[in-house]
Amino acid sequence: MLDRRAVVLLSIVAGVVLELGIAAVGGRREAWDSEVYWTVGLPCVLVASAGLGYFSKRHAWLWTFLIIPSQVATMMVRSGEIGALWPLAVALSAVLSTPFVVAAFAASRFRPRARG
């Protein structure tokens, strides 16, 4: 089972890989400008989020909200355009992580219960 630290790390890695991988494959400056982001990238990260939810301990699945903020932060660092509104952008992207948190929560309901 994955503890909170592992879920945090894997969620951040998923966001970074989403940005860098799709930007490289899609050939666009920013990953979300590519149709591959919407048709391949996000569905793959949604499945990864569900996997994190299934294999996480207790409520560690909540940390999947970090996927999109880490993707957005990676995009801003890579482009060199970190403006004064970056905290707002990262906060808004956390809200956009809702589908990933929902997938992780749903998958967490299917994990086997611990026997005592």
Protein backbone atom coordinates (compact mmCIF):
# COMPACT_ATOMS: atom_id res chain seq x y z
CA MET A 1 0.00 0.00 0.00
CA LEU A 2 1.12 3.52 -0.77
CA ASP A 3 1.48 6.01 2.07
CA ARG A 4 0.86 9.74 1.78
CA ARG A 5 4.45 10.54 0.83
CA ALA A 6 4.42 8.03 -2.03
CA VAL A 7 1.09 9.30 -3.37
CA VAL A 8 2.35 12.90 -3.25
CA LEU A 9 5.54 11.97 -5.10
CA LEU A 10 3.77 9.85 -7.72
CA SER A 11 1.12 12.53 -8.29
CA ILE A 12 3.79 15.16 -8.88
CA VAL A 13 5.70 12.81 -11.19
CA ALA A 14 2.48 12.12 -13.13
CA GLY A 15 1.94 15.86 -13.67
CA VAL A 16 5.52 16.47 -14.77
CA VAL A 17 5.49 13.47 -17.13
CA LEU A 18 2.13 14.62 -18.51
CA GLU A 19 3.55 18.04 -19.41
CA LEU A 20 6.95 16.95 -20.69
CA GLY A 21 5.80 13.77 -22.43
CA ILE A 22 2.84 15.26 -24.25
CA ALA A 23 4.78 18.40 -25.18
CA ALA A 24 7.49 16.19 -26.74
CA VAL A 25 5.07 13.85 -28.52
CA GLY A 26 2.54 16.51 -29.50
CA GLY A 27 5.17 18.89 -30.82
CA ARG A 28 3.54 21.92 -29.21
CA ARG A 29 4.99 24.50 -26.87
CA GLU A 30 2.52 23.62 -24.15
CA ALA A 31 1.09 20.14 -23.72
CA TRP A 32 -2.55 21.22 -23.55
CA ASP A 33 -2.27 22.82 -27.00
CA SER A 34 -1.96 19.32 -28.44
CA GLU A 35 -4.93 17.07 -29.10
CA VAL A 36 -2.80 14.23 -27.70
CA TYR A 37 -3.10 15.88 -24.28
CA TRP A 38 -6.88 15.57 -24.34
CA THR A 39 -7.18 12.19 -26.07
CA VAL A 40 -4.26 10.27 -24.57
CA GLY A 41 -2.58 12.24 -21.78
CA LEU A 42 -5.53 13.05 -19.55
CA PRO A 43 -7.14 9.59 -19.86
CA CYS A 44 -3.80 7.95 -18.97
CA VAL A 45 -3.40 10.19 -15.93
CA LEU A 46 -7.00 9.48 -14.94
CA VAL A 47 -6.21 5.75 -14.94
CA ALA A 48 -3.01 6.42 -12.98
CA SER A 49 -5.05 8.43 -10.49
CA ALA A 50 -7.44 5.54 -10.04
CA GLY A 51 -4.47 3.24 -9.49
CA LEU A 52 -3.10 5.57 -6.84
CA GLY A 53 -6.48 5.60 -5.15
CA TYR A 54 -6.72 1.82 -5.17
CA PHE A 55 -3.23 1.25 -3.79
CA SER A 56 -3.16 4.14 -1.29
CA LYS A 57 -3.48 3.86 2.45
CA ARG A 58 -6.50 5.44 4.07
CA HIS A 59 -7.11 8.94 2.66
CA ALA A 60 -3.78 9.34 0.85
CA TRP A 61 -5.73 9.33 -2.43
CA LEU A 62 -6.63 12.98 -1.71
CA TRP A 63 -3.13 14.00 -2.78
CA THR A 64 -3.93 13.20 -6.42
CA PHE A 65 -5.11 16.82 -6.56
CA LEU A 66 -1.41 17.64 -7.14
CA ILE A 67 -1.36 16.17 -10.66
CA ILE A 68 -2.57 19.22 -12.60
CA PRO A 69 -0.83 21.86 -10.43
CA SER A 70 2.47 20.04 -10.98
CA GLN A 71 1.76 19.89 -14.71
CA VAL A 72 1.01 23.63 -14.79
CA ALA A 73 4.07 24.46 -12.67
CA THR A 74 6.25 22.37 -15.01
CA MET A 75 4.79 24.20 -18.01
CA MET A 76 5.51 27.60 -16.44
CA VAL A 77 9.07 26.68 -15.47
CA ARG A 78 9.78 25.14 -18.87
CA SER A 79 8.47 28.16 -20.75
CA GLY A 80 10.23 30.61 -18.42
CA GLU A 81 7.01 32.56 -17.97
CA ILE A 82 6.46 32.59 -14.25
CA GLY A 83 4.49 35.75 -13.65
CA ALA A 84 3.09 37.34 -10.54
CA LEU A 85 -0.12 35.33 -10.88
CA TRP A 86 1.53 31.92 -10.65
CA PRO A 87 0.03 31.15 -7.21
CA LEU A 88 -3.44 31.78 -8.63
CA ALA A 89 -2.71 29.57 -11.64
CA VAL A 90 -1.54 26.72 -9.43
CA ALA A 91 -4.56 27.11 -7.11
CA LEU A 92 -6.99 27.12 -10.04
CA SER A 93 -5.31 24.05 -11.48
CA ALA A 94 -5.88 22.27 -8.17
CA VAL A 95 -9.61 22.82 -8.72
CA LEU A 96 -9.22 21.40 -12.22
CA SER A 97 -7.84 18.25 -10.60
CA THR A 98 -11.30 17.31 -9.38
CA PRO A 99 -11.82 14.47 -11.91
CA PHE A 100 -8.54 12.87 -10.80
CA VAL A 101 -9.46 13.08 -7.13
CA VAL A 102 -12.90 11.61 -7.89
CA ALA A 103 -11.30 8.72 -9.82
CA ALA A 104 -8.88 8.08 -6.96
CA PHE A 105 -11.72 8.16 -4.42
CA ALA A 106 -13.87 5.79 -6.48
CA ALA A 107 -11.00 3.34 -6.88
CA SER A 108 -10.23 3.54 -3.15
CA ARG A 109 -13.71 2.17 -2.45
CA PHE A 110 -12.73 -1.08 -4.24
CA ARG A 111 -9.54 -1.83 -2.33
CA PRO A 112 -9.67 -4.80 0.03
CA ARG A 113 -10.45 -4.02 3.65
CA ALA A 114 -7.72 -4.72 6.18
CA ARG A 115 -8.43 -7.70 8.37
CA GLY A 116 -7.79 -7.26 12.05
